[in-house]
Amino acid sequence: MNRFDKEAITWDSSDRRVNMAQAAYVESLKYITIDKTTEAVDFGVGTGLFLTKFQPYVKSIIGLDSSQGMLDVFQQKMNDLGIENAKPMLFDAEKDGFAEMKFDLFISSMSFHHVINVESFLKKIYKSLKPGGQICIADLVLEDGSFHSDNASVHHFGFKPEVFIELMQKAGFKNTKTTIFFEIEKKHGNFPVFLAYGEK
């Protein structure tokens, strides 16, 4: 059982995480277009804090995560709310592909710093996006490693936004944009968060 499996039950009790998900959603709306034909994917869905902001406005949305504990809490939340257009999927960014999946929108909040090979994963996403599809990623601006108390599953201490955009462009994305839109406050410091957007 990993850290996320253990923390899944109490994950939503953090105001910081709830506020971060809301801020990332509001910022995303400045870039993306969604409607009831949109088929979406949320990578690193966790308990669904970010996904549930989009769910009412899309046709379907799949929540990907490598933590079964998180997915169990997410599924229970969907069951309790009677939501049928959002589904969980156990997914490892390094090992798994999207097979025949095709989607219009790929979103993610605070998960890419857990991905080992970001460029390779972005290429997988690009391949499975439909023409004109959109990607919207929120993550930490490069920090000194003090954001996490345990860096066991952390492969990047955030990213320089301009470097992340370059990785997206190498993967094929165009009309890329980035902005710093939020700051996570912790006892030992404040940590900026960026949003990166691109299109196929």
Protein backbone atom coordinates (compact mmCIF):
# COMPACT_ATOMS: atom_id res chain seq x y z
CA MET A 1 0.00 0.00 0.00
CA ASN A 2 1.50 3.35 -1.04
CA ARG A 3 1.15 6.75 0.60
CA PHE A 4 -1.81 7.71 -1.57
CA ASP A 5 -3.71 4.53 -0.72
CA LYS A 6 -3.27 5.32 2.97
CA GLU A 7 -4.26 8.98 2.66
CA ALA A 8 -7.22 8.51 0.32
CA ILE A 9 -9.92 8.44 3.02
CA THR A 10 -8.90 11.81 4.48
CA TRP A 11 -7.67 13.43 1.25
CA ASP A 12 -10.67 15.75 0.79
CA SER A 13 -10.41 17.12 4.34
CA SER A 14 -7.57 19.42 3.25
CA ASP A 15 -8.80 22.95 2.47
CA ARG A 16 -5.54 23.50 0.60
CA ARG A 17 -6.30 20.68 -1.85
CA VAL A 18 -9.93 21.75 -2.27
CA ASN A 19 -8.90 25.36 -2.95
CA MET A 20 -6.20 24.25 -5.37
CA ALA A 21 -8.66 22.17 -7.40
CA GLN A 22 -11.11 25.09 -7.59
CA ALA A 23 -8.40 27.55 -8.64
CA ALA A 24 -7.08 25.19 -11.32
CA TYR A 25 -10.61 24.71 -12.68
CA VAL A 26 -11.31 28.44 -12.85
CA GLU A 27 -7.98 29.06 -14.60
CA SER A 28 -8.59 26.19 -17.04
CA LEU A 29 -11.84 27.76 -18.18
CA LYS A 30 -9.86 30.71 -19.55
CA TYR A 31 -8.36 28.36 -22.15
CA ILE A 32 -10.49 25.29 -22.79
CA THR A 33 -13.86 24.85 -24.46
CA ILE A 34 -16.11 22.02 -23.31
CA ASP A 35 -19.67 20.92 -24.00
CA LYS A 36 -21.86 17.84 -23.80
CA THR A 37 -19.96 16.20 -26.68
CA THR A 38 -16.60 16.41 -24.88
CA GLU A 39 -14.93 13.13 -23.91
CA ALA A 40 -12.35 13.91 -21.25
CA VAL A 41 -9.60 12.28 -19.21
CA ASP A 42 -8.23 13.40 -15.83
CA PHE A 43 -4.78 12.04 -15.02
CA GLY A 44 -3.95 11.68 -11.32
CA VAL A 45 -7.64 11.95 -10.50
CA GLY A 46 -7.18 11.05 -6.83
CA THR A 47 -10.55 11.36 -5.12
CA GLY A 48 -11.94 13.46 -7.97
CA LEU A 49 -11.55 16.97 -6.55
CA PHE A 50 -10.56 18.39 -9.96
CA LEU A 51 -12.62 16.04 -12.11
CA THR A 52 -15.94 16.84 -10.43
CA LYS A 53 -15.63 20.47 -11.53
CA PHE A 54 -15.74 19.40 -15.19
CA GLN A 55 -18.02 16.36 -14.93
CA PRO A 56 -21.40 18.16 -15.19
CA TYR A 57 -20.43 19.85 -18.44
CA VAL A 58 -18.92 16.99 -20.49
CA LYS A 59 -20.25 13.85 -22.13
CA SER A 60 -17.88 11.55 -20.24
CA ILE A 61 -14.72 11.73 -18.17
CA ILE A 62 -12.33 8.97 -17.13
CA GLY A 63 -10.26 9.37 -13.97
CA LEU A 64 -6.81 7.78 -14.21
CA ASP A 65 -4.72 7.03 -11.13
CA SER A 66 -2.05 4.60 -9.98
CA SER A 67 -3.55 4.40 -6.47
CA GLN A 68 -6.37 1.89 -6.08
CA GLY A 69 -7.19 3.46 -2.72
CA MET A 70 -7.80 6.83 -4.34
CA LEU A 71 -9.88 5.26 -7.10
CA ASP A 72 -12.02 3.41 -4.54
CA VAL A 73 -12.83 6.69 -2.76
CA PHE A 74 -13.47 8.37 -6.11
CA GLN A 75 -15.85 5.60 -7.23
CA GLN A 76 -17.72 5.70 -3.93
CA LYS A 77 -18.12 9.46 -4.33
CA MET A 78 -19.54 8.98 -7.83
CA ASN A 79 -21.91 6.30 -6.53
CA ASP A 80 -23.09 8.51 -3.66
CA LEU A 81 -23.74 11.41 -6.04
CA GLY A 82 -25.41 9.21 -8.65
CA ILE A 83 -22.90 10.27 -11.30
CA GLU A 84 -22.73 7.90 -14.26
CA ASN A 85 -20.55 9.72 -16.79
CA ALA A 86 -17.34 9.57 -14.71
CA LYS A 87 -15.41 6.32 -14.41
CA PRO A 88 -12.15 5.31 -12.65
CA MET A 89 -9.26 3.52 -14.34
CA LEU A 90 -6.12 2.14 -12.71
CA PHE A 91 -3.26 3.59 -14.74
CA ASP A 92 0.53 3.76 -14.61
CA ALA A 93 1.97 6.57 -16.74
CA GLU A 94 5.22 4.70 -17.32
CA LYS A 95 3.78 1.31 -18.24
CA ASP A 96 0.30 1.89 -19.62
CA GLY A 97 -0.88 3.37 -22.88
CA PHE A 98 -4.30 4.55 -23.95
CA ALA A 99 -4.86 1.64 -26.38
CA GLU A 100 -7.72 2.66 -28.68
CA MET A 101 -8.92 5.46 -26.42
CA LYS A 102 -9.59 8.79 -28.11
CA PHE A 103 -10.51 11.91 -26.17
CA ASP A 104 -11.13 15.63 -26.68
CA LEU A 105 -9.68 16.95 -23.43
CA PHE A 106 -6.87 15.84 -21.13
CA ILE A 107 -6.61 17.52 -17.73
CA SER A 108 -4.36 17.01 -14.73
CA SER A 109 -3.72 18.82 -11.48
CA MET A 110 -0.61 18.33 -9.34
CA SER A 111 0.29 14.92 -10.79
CA PHE A 112 2.95 15.38 -13.46
CA HIS A 113 5.76 15.74 -10.92
CA HIS A 114 5.09 12.06 -10.13
CA VAL A 115 5.71 11.03 -13.77
CA ILE A 116 9.23 9.77 -14.51
CA ASN A 117 9.39 10.40 -18.27
CA VAL A 118 7.22 13.44 -18.89
CA GLU A 119 8.12 13.89 -22.56
CA SER A 120 7.27 10.28 -23.39
CA PHE A 121 3.95 10.53 -21.54
CA LEU A 122 3.04 13.78 -23.33
CA LYS A 123 3.64 12.01 -26.65
CA LYS A 124 1.23 9.23 -25.61
CA ILE A 125 -1.39 11.83 -24.74
CA TYR A 126 -0.91 13.66 -28.03
CA LYS A 127 -1.34 10.44 -29.99
CA SER A 128 -4.69 9.68 -28.35
CA LEU A 129 -6.12 13.20 -28.46
CA LYS A 130 -8.61 13.80 -31.24
CA PRO A 131 -7.71 16.45 -33.83
CA GLY A 132 -8.27 19.82 -32.19
CA GLY A 133 -8.10 18.19 -28.76
CA GLN A 134 -6.91 20.17 -25.74
CA ILE A 135 -4.53 19.53 -22.84
CA CYS A 136 -4.51 21.52 -19.61
CA ILE A 137 -1.95 20.72 -16.90
CA ALA A 138 -1.52 22.35 -13.48
CA ASP A 139 1.64 21.61 -11.51
CA LEU A 140 4.29 23.03 -9.23
CA VAL A 141 6.77 25.61 -10.40
CA LEU A 142 10.28 24.24 -9.82
CA GLU A 143 11.05 24.23 -6.08
CA ASP A 144 13.85 23.03 -3.79
CA GLY A 145 12.29 19.70 -2.83
CA SER A 146 10.72 20.93 0.39
CA PHE A 147 7.12 20.90 -0.85
CA HIS A 148 6.65 17.22 -0.03
CA SER A 149 7.54 15.87 3.38
CA ASP A 150 8.18 12.52 1.68
CA ASN A 151 9.67 12.62 -1.81
CA ALA A 152 9.51 8.85 -2.29
CA SER A 153 7.21 8.98 -5.33
CA VAL A 154 8.27 12.43 -6.52
CA HIS A 155 10.38 12.42 -9.68
CA HIS A 156 10.50 16.18 -10.31
CA PHE A 157 10.55 19.05 -7.82
CA GLY A 158 8.11 20.84 -10.08
CA PHE A 159 8.99 22.37 -13.46
CA LYS A 160 10.04 25.65 -14.94
CA PRO A 161 6.86 26.60 -16.87
CA GLU A 162 8.80 27.48 -20.02
CA VAL A 163 10.58 24.10 -19.93
CA PHE A 164 7.28 22.26 -19.52
CA ILE A 165 5.90 24.15 -22.53
CA GLU A 166 8.96 23.08 -24.54
CA LEU A 167 8.24 19.44 -23.65
CA MET A 168 4.66 19.89 -24.83
CA GLN A 169 5.84 21.41 -28.09
CA LYS A 170 8.28 18.54 -28.64
CA ALA A 171 5.35 16.16 -28.22
CA GLY A 172 3.51 18.03 -31.00
CA PHE A 173 1.25 20.43 -29.14
CA LYS A 174 0.61 23.87 -30.65
CA ASN A 175 -0.94 27.14 -29.46
CA THR A 176 0.76 26.49 -26.13
CA LYS A 177 0.36 28.92 -23.26
CA THR A 178 1.39 29.01 -19.63
CA THR A 179 0.68 31.18 -16.62
CA ILE A 180 1.34 31.11 -12.88
CA PHE A 181 -2.09 31.32 -11.28
CA PHE A 182 -1.95 30.07 -7.69
CA GLU A 183 0.27 29.79 -4.64
CA ILE A 184 0.07 26.91 -2.20
CA GLU A 185 0.76 28.10 1.31
CA LYS A 186 2.55 25.78 3.71
CA LYS A 187 4.10 26.41 7.11
CA HIS A 188 7.60 26.32 5.66
CA GLY A 189 6.94 28.40 2.54
CA ASN A 190 4.73 29.33 -0.38
CA PHE A 191 4.85 27.34 -3.62
CA PRO A 192 3.65 28.77 -6.97
CA VAL A 193 1.59 26.64 -9.35
CA PHE A 194 1.48 27.03 -13.13
CA LEU A 195 -1.05 26.06 -15.77
CA ALA A 196 0.11 24.81 -19.17
CA TYR A 197 -2.26 24.62 -22.15
CA GLY A 198 -1.91 23.20 -25.63
CA GLU A 199 -3.86 21.89 -28.62
CA LYS A 200 -3.49 19.11 -31.15
